[in-house]
All heavy atoms as atom14 arrays in JSON, in Angstrom:
{
  "sequence": "VPETTEVEILSGGLFRELSDTITPQGVMAAV",
  "atom14_mask": [
    [1, 1, 1, 1, 1, 1, 1, 0, 0, 0, 0, 0, 0, 0],
    [1, 1, 1, 1, 1, 1, 1, 0, 0, 0, 0, 0, 0, 0],
    [1, 1, 1, 1, 1, 1, 1, 1, 1, 0, 0, 0, 0, 0],
    [1, 1, 1, 1, 1, 1, 1, 0, 0, 0, 0, 0, 0, 0],
    [1, 1, 1, 1, 1, 1, 1, 0, 0, 0, 0, 0, 0, 0],
    [1, 1, 1, 1, 1, 1, 1, 1, 1, 0, 0, 0, 0, 0],
    [1, 1, 1, 1, 1, 1, 1, 0, 0, 0, 0, 0, 0, 0],
    [1, 1, 1, 1, 1, 1, 1, 1, 1, 0, 0, 0, 0, 0],
    [1, 1, 1, 1, 1, 1, 1, 1, 0, 0, 0, 0, 0, 0],
    [1, 1, 1, 1, 1, 1, 1, 1, 0, 0, 0, 0, 0, 0],
    [1, 1, 1, 1, 1, 1, 0, 0, 0, 0, 0, 0, 0, 0],
    [1, 1, 1, 1, 0, 0, 0, 0, 0, 0, 0, 0, 0, 0],
    [1, 1, 1, 1, 0, 0, 0, 0, 0, 0, 0, 0, 0, 0],
    [1, 1, 1, 1, 1, 1, 1, 1, 0, 0, 0, 0, 0, 0],
    [1, 1, 1, 1, 1, 1, 1, 1, 1, 1, 1, 0, 0, 0],
    [1, 1, 1, 1, 1, 1, 1, 1, 1, 1, 1, 0, 0, 0],
    [1, 1, 1, 1, 1, 1, 1, 1, 1, 0, 0, 0, 0, 0],
    [1, 1, 1, 1, 1, 1, 1, 1, 0, 0, 0, 0, 0, 0],
    [1, 1, 1, 1, 1, 1, 0, 0, 0, 0, 0, 0, 0, 0],
    [1, 1, 1, 1, 1, 1, 1, 1, 0, 0, 0, 0, 0, 0],
    [1, 1, 1, 1, 1, 1, 1, 0, 0, 0, 0, 0, 0, 0],
    [1, 1, 1, 1, 1, 1, 1, 1, 0, 0, 0, 0, 0, 0],
    [1, 1, 1, 1, 1, 1, 1, 0, 0, 0, 0, 0, 0, 0],
    [1, 1, 1, 1, 1, 1, 1, 0, 0, 0, 0, 0, 0, 0],
    [1, 1, 1, 1, 1, 1, 1, 1, 1, 0, 0, 0, 0, 0],
    [1, 1, 1, 1, 0, 0, 0, 0, 0, 0, 0, 0, 0, 0],
    [1, 1, 1, 1, 1, 1, 1, 0, 0, 0, 0, 0, 0, 0],
    [1, 1, 1, 1, 1, 1, 1, 1, 0, 0, 0, 0, 0, 0],
    [1, 1, 1, 1, 1, 0, 0, 0, 0, 0, 0, 0, 0, 0],
    [1, 1, 1, 1, 1, 0, 0, 0, 0, 0, 0, 0, 0, 0],
    [1, 1, 1, 1, 1, 1, 1, 0, 0, 0, 0, 0, 0, 0]
  ],
  "atom14_positions": [
    [[91.67, 82.04, 94.08], [91.31, 83.09, 93.13], [91.99, 82.84, 91.78], [93.22, 82.85, 91.69], [91.71, 84.48, 93.66], [91.25, 85.57, 92.69], [91.11, 84.72, 95.04], [0.0, 0.0, 0.0], [0.0, 0.0, 0.0], [0.0, 0.0, 0.0], [0.0, 0.0, 0.0], [0.0, 0.0, 0.0], [0.0, 0.0, 0.0], [0.0, 0.0, 0.0]],
    [[91.21, 82.62, 90.71], [91.81, 82.43, 89.38], [92.59, 83.66, 88.94], [92.27, 84.79, 89.34], [90.59, 82.21, 88.47], [89.47, 81.85, 89.39], [89.74, 82.55, 90.68], [0.0, 0.0, 0.0], [0.0, 0.0, 0.0], [0.0, 0.0, 0.0], [0.0, 0.0, 0.0], [0.0, 0.0, 0.0], [0.0, 0.0, 0.0], [0.0, 0.0, 0.0]],
    [[93.57, 83.48, 88.1], [94.37, 84.6, 87.61], [93.54, 85.58, 86.78], [93.89, 86.76, 86.68], [95.54, 84.07, 86.77], [96.59, 83.32, 87.57], [97.77, 82.88, 86.71], [97.77, 83.23, 85.5], [98.67, 82.21, 87.23], [0.0, 0.0, 0.0], [0.0, 0.0, 0.0], [0.0, 0.0, 0.0], [0.0, 0.0, 0.0], [0.0, 0.0, 0.0]],
    [[92.45, 85.09, 86.2], [91.61, 85.94, 85.37], [90.7, 86.86, 86.19], [90.08, 87.77, 85.64], [90.73, 85.07, 84.45], [90.02, 84.12, 85.25], [91.59, 84.34, 83.42], [0.0, 0.0, 0.0], [0.0, 0.0, 0.0], [0.0, 0.0, 0.0], [0.0, 0.0, 0.0], [0.0, 0.0, 0.0], [0.0, 0.0, 0.0], [0.0, 0.0, 0.0]],
    [[90.6, 86.61, 87.5], [89.75, 87.43, 88.35], [90.5, 88.67, 88.84], [91.6, 88.56, 89.38], [89.26, 86.63, 89.58], [88.51, 85.5, 89.13], [88.37, 87.49, 90.48], [0.0, 0.0, 0.0], [0.0, 0.0, 0.0], [0.0, 0.0, 0.0], [0.0, 0.0, 0.0], [0.0, 0.0, 0.0], [0.0, 0.0, 0.0], [0.0, 0.0, 0.0]],
    [[89.93, 89.83, 88.63], [90.53, 91.07, 89.08], [90.42, 91.18, 90.6], [89.38, 90.82, 91.17], [89.86, 92.27, 88.43], [90.02, 92.33, 86.92], [89.29, 93.52, 86.33], [88.05, 93.51, 86.34], [89.97, 94.45, 85.89], [0.0, 0.0, 0.0], [0.0, 0.0, 0.0], [0.0, 0.0, 0.0], [0.0, 0.0, 0.0], [0.0, 0.0, 0.0]],
    [[91.46, 91.68, 91.24], [91.45, 91.87, 92.69], [91.8, 93.32, 93.0], [92.8, 93.84, 92.52], [92.45, 90.93, 93.4], [92.44, 91.19, 94.91], [92.13, 89.47, 93.1], [0.0, 0.0, 0.0], [0.0, 0.0, 0.0], [0.0, 0.0, 0.0], [0.0, 0.0, 0.0], [0.0, 0.0, 0.0], [0.0, 0.0, 0.0], [0.0, 0.0, 0.0]],
    [[90.94, 93.96, 93.78], [91.18, 95.34, 94.2], [91.28, 95.37, 95.73], [90.44, 94.79, 96.43], [90.04, 96.26, 93.76], [89.9, 96.41, 92.24], [91.01, 97.26, 91.63], [91.84, 97.81, 92.39], [91.03, 97.4, 90.4], [0.0, 0.0, 0.0], [0.0, 0.0, 0.0], [0.0, 0.0, 0.0], [0.0, 0.0, 0.0], [0.0, 0.0, 0.0]],
    [[92.3, 96.04, 96.23], [92.48, 96.2, 97.67], [91.91, 97.55, 98.09], [92.26, 98.58, 97.51], [93.97, 96.11, 98.06], [94.58, 94.8, 97.53], [94.13, 96.21, 99.58], [93.94, 93.54, 98.09], [0.0, 0.0, 0.0], [0.0, 0.0, 0.0], [0.0, 0.0, 0.0], [0.0, 0.0, 0.0], [0.0, 0.0, 0.0], [0.0, 0.0, 0.0]],
    [[91.01, 97.54, 99.08], [90.41, 98.78, 99.57], [90.91, 99.07, 100.98], [91.15, 98.14, 101.76], [88.88, 98.65, 99.62], [88.15, 98.13, 98.38], [86.65, 98.23, 98.59], [88.55, 98.89, 97.14], [0.0, 0.0, 0.0], [0.0, 0.0, 0.0], [0.0, 0.0, 0.0], [0.0, 0.0, 0.0], [0.0, 0.0, 0.0], [0.0, 0.0, 0.0]],
    [[91.02, 100.33, 101.32], [91.37, 100.67, 102.69], [90.28, 100.15, 103.62], [89.11, 100.05, 103.22], [91.51, 102.19, 102.85], [90.25, 102.82, 102.71], [0.0, 0.0, 0.0], [0.0, 0.0, 0.0], [0.0, 0.0, 0.0], [0.0, 0.0, 0.0], [0.0, 0.0, 0.0], [0.0, 0.0, 0.0], [0.0, 0.0, 0.0], [0.0, 0.0, 0.0]],
    [[90.66, 99.83, 104.84], [89.68, 99.31, 105.79], [88.53, 100.26, 106.01], [87.36, 99.84, 106.09], [0.0, 0.0, 0.0], [0.0, 0.0, 0.0], [0.0, 0.0, 0.0], [0.0, 0.0, 0.0], [0.0, 0.0, 0.0], [0.0, 0.0, 0.0], [0.0, 0.0, 0.0], [0.0, 0.0, 0.0], [0.0, 0.0, 0.0], [0.0, 0.0, 0.0]],
    [[88.83, 101.56, 106.09], [87.78, 102.55, 106.3], [86.8, 102.62, 105.16], [85.58, 102.67, 105.36], [0.0, 0.0, 0.0], [0.0, 0.0, 0.0], [0.0, 0.0, 0.0], [0.0, 0.0, 0.0], [0.0, 0.0, 0.0], [0.0, 0.0, 0.0], [0.0, 0.0, 0.0], [0.0, 0.0, 0.0], [0.0, 0.0, 0.0], [0.0, 0.0, 0.0]],
    [[87.29, 102.58, 103.92], [86.42, 102.62, 102.75], [85.57, 101.37, 102.66], [84.38, 101.44, 102.38], [87.26, 102.78, 101.47], [86.48, 102.78, 100.15], [85.46, 103.9, 100.12], [87.44, 102.88, 98.96], [0.0, 0.0, 0.0], [0.0, 0.0, 0.0], [0.0, 0.0, 0.0], [0.0, 0.0, 0.0], [0.0, 0.0, 0.0], [0.0, 0.0, 0.0]],
    [[86.18, 100.22, 102.94], [85.41, 98.97, 102.87], [84.26, 99.01, 103.88], [83.13, 98.62, 103.55], [86.31, 97.76, 103.16], [85.65, 96.45, 102.81], [85.94, 95.81, 101.62], [84.74, 95.86, 103.67], [85.31, 94.61, 101.27], [84.12, 94.66, 103.35], [84.4, 94.04, 102.15], [0.0, 0.0, 0.0], [0.0, 0.0, 0.0], [0.0, 0.0, 0.0]],
    [[84.53, 99.48, 105.08], [83.47, 99.55, 106.09], [82.36, 100.51, 105.68], [81.18, 100.27, 105.96], [84.07, 99.96, 107.44], [84.87, 98.84, 108.11], [85.29, 99.19, 109.53], [86.34, 100.2, 109.56], [87.64, 99.93, 109.45], [88.05, 98.67, 109.3], [88.53, 100.91, 109.49], [0.0, 0.0, 0.0], [0.0, 0.0, 0.0], [0.0, 0.0, 0.0]],
    [[82.7, 101.57, 104.98], [81.69, 102.49, 104.47], [80.8, 101.83, 103.43], [79.58, 102.06, 103.38], [82.36, 103.72, 103.84], [82.91, 104.74, 104.82], [83.45, 105.96, 104.09], [82.72, 106.5, 103.24], [84.6, 106.35, 104.35], [0.0, 0.0, 0.0], [0.0, 0.0, 0.0], [0.0, 0.0, 0.0], [0.0, 0.0, 0.0], [0.0, 0.0, 0.0]],
    [[81.4, 101.0, 102.6], [80.66, 100.35, 101.5], [79.84, 99.16, 101.98], [78.86, 98.78, 101.34], [81.64, 99.89, 100.42], [82.41, 100.98, 99.68], [83.49, 100.35, 98.81], [81.48, 101.83, 98.84], [0.0, 0.0, 0.0], [0.0, 0.0, 0.0], [0.0, 0.0, 0.0], [0.0, 0.0, 0.0], [0.0, 0.0, 0.0], [0.0, 0.0, 0.0]],
    [[80.25, 98.55, 103.06], [79.62, 97.32, 103.52], [78.2, 97.55, 104.02], [77.88, 98.6, 104.58], [80.45, 96.69, 104.64], [79.79, 95.56, 105.18], [0.0, 0.0, 0.0], [0.0, 0.0, 0.0], [0.0, 0.0, 0.0], [0.0, 0.0, 0.0], [0.0, 0.0, 0.0], [0.0, 0.0, 0.0], [0.0, 0.0, 0.0], [0.0, 0.0, 0.0]],
    [[77.34, 96.56, 103.82], [75.96, 96.61, 104.31], [75.82, 95.94, 105.67], [74.71, 95.85, 106.2], [75.02, 95.93, 103.31], [74.89, 96.7, 102.01], [74.85, 97.94, 102.07], [74.85, 96.07, 100.94], [0.0, 0.0, 0.0], [0.0, 0.0, 0.0], [0.0, 0.0, 0.0], [0.0, 0.0, 0.0], [0.0, 0.0, 0.0], [0.0, 0.0, 0.0]],
    [[76.91, 95.43, 106.21], [76.83, 94.71, 107.48], [77.49, 95.51, 108.6], [78.37, 96.35, 108.35], [77.53, 93.34, 107.37], [78.92, 93.53, 107.07], [76.9, 92.5, 106.26], [0.0, 0.0, 0.0], [0.0, 0.0, 0.0], [0.0, 0.0, 0.0], [0.0, 0.0, 0.0], [0.0, 0.0, 0.0], [0.0, 0.0, 0.0], [0.0, 0.0, 0.0]],
    [[77.09, 95.24, 109.82], [77.63, 95.95, 110.98], [79.08, 95.58, 111.22], [79.92, 96.41, 111.56], [76.77, 95.67, 112.23], [75.34, 96.18, 112.01], [77.39, 96.32, 113.47], [74.37, 95.81, 113.11], [0.0, 0.0, 0.0], [0.0, 0.0, 0.0], [0.0, 0.0, 0.0], [0.0, 0.0, 0.0], [0.0, 0.0, 0.0], [0.0, 0.0, 0.0]],
    [[79.38, 94.28, 111.05], [80.75, 93.8, 111.25], [81.23, 93.15, 109.95], [81.12, 91.93, 109.78], [80.83, 92.8, 112.41], [79.87, 91.74, 112.19], [80.52, 93.47, 113.72], [0.0, 0.0, 0.0], [0.0, 0.0, 0.0], [0.0, 0.0, 0.0], [0.0, 0.0, 0.0], [0.0, 0.0, 0.0], [0.0, 0.0, 0.0], [0.0, 0.0, 0.0]],
    [[81.74, 93.93, 109.0], [82.16, 93.4, 107.69], [83.26, 92.36, 107.82], [84.13, 92.45, 108.7], [82.68, 94.65, 106.97], [82.11, 95.81, 107.7], [81.97, 95.38, 109.12], [0.0, 0.0, 0.0], [0.0, 0.0, 0.0], [0.0, 0.0, 0.0], [0.0, 0.0, 0.0], [0.0, 0.0, 0.0], [0.0, 0.0, 0.0], [0.0, 0.0, 0.0]],
    [[83.2, 91.36, 106.93], [84.23, 90.32, 106.91], [85.42, 90.71, 106.04], [86.42, 90.0, 106.01], [83.63, 89.0, 106.42], [82.58, 88.43, 107.36], [82.02, 87.12, 106.86], [82.63, 86.43, 106.04], [80.85, 86.76, 107.35], [0.0, 0.0, 0.0], [0.0, 0.0, 0.0], [0.0, 0.0, 0.0], [0.0, 0.0, 0.0], [0.0, 0.0, 0.0]],
    [[85.3, 91.82, 105.32], [86.42, 92.31, 104.54], [86.52, 91.75, 103.14], [87.52, 91.95, 102.45], [0.0, 0.0, 0.0], [0.0, 0.0, 0.0], [0.0, 0.0, 0.0], [0.0, 0.0, 0.0], [0.0, 0.0, 0.0], [0.0, 0.0, 0.0], [0.0, 0.0, 0.0], [0.0, 0.0, 0.0], [0.0, 0.0, 0.0], [0.0, 0.0, 0.0]],
    [[85.48, 91.06, 102.68], [85.49, 90.45, 101.34], [84.18, 90.79, 100.63], [83.1, 90.6, 101.17], [85.63, 88.92, 101.41], [85.63, 88.31, 100.01], [86.91, 88.54, 102.14], [0.0, 0.0, 0.0], [0.0, 0.0, 0.0], [0.0, 0.0, 0.0], [0.0, 0.0, 0.0], [0.0, 0.0, 0.0], [0.0, 0.0, 0.0], [0.0, 0.0, 0.0]],
    [[84.3, 91.31, 99.4], [83.15, 91.68, 98.59], [83.47, 91.34, 97.15], [84.64, 91.3, 96.76], [82.88, 93.18, 98.77], [81.55, 93.7, 98.3], [81.42, 95.51, 98.57], [81.51, 95.6, 100.36], [0.0, 0.0, 0.0], [0.0, 0.0, 0.0], [0.0, 0.0, 0.0], [0.0, 0.0, 0.0], [0.0, 0.0, 0.0], [0.0, 0.0, 0.0]],
    [[82.45, 91.09, 96.32], [82.73, 90.73, 94.93], [81.63, 91.19, 94.0], [80.45, 91.2, 94.37], [82.92, 89.22, 94.8], [0.0, 0.0, 0.0], [0.0, 0.0, 0.0], [0.0, 0.0, 0.0], [0.0, 0.0, 0.0], [0.0, 0.0, 0.0], [0.0, 0.0, 0.0], [0.0, 0.0, 0.0], [0.0, 0.0, 0.0], [0.0, 0.0, 0.0]],
    [[82.01, 91.59, 92.8], [81.06, 91.84, 91.7], [80.96, 90.53, 90.94], [81.96, 89.99, 90.46], [81.57, 92.95, 90.79], [0.0, 0.0, 0.0], [0.0, 0.0, 0.0], [0.0, 0.0, 0.0], [0.0, 0.0, 0.0], [0.0, 0.0, 0.0], [0.0, 0.0, 0.0], [0.0, 0.0, 0.0], [0.0, 0.0, 0.0], [0.0, 0.0, 0.0]],
    [[79.74, 90.01, 90.85], [79.52, 88.64, 90.39], [78.56, 88.61, 89.2], [77.58, 89.35, 89.16], [78.92, 87.8, 91.56], [78.6, 86.39, 91.12], [79.9, 87.78, 92.72], [0.0, 0.0, 0.0], [0.0, 0.0, 0.0], [0.0, 0.0, 0.0], [0.0, 0.0, 0.0], [0.0, 0.0, 0.0], [0.0, 0.0, 0.0], [0.0, 0.0, 0.0]]
  ]
}
């Protein structure tokens, strides 16, 4: 991860709510 890339840590529960997959891998990005 480059230093210029912002990183946000989400709670596991919130990430699972946001994910479109049944078994989230825990990584998402705005690209």
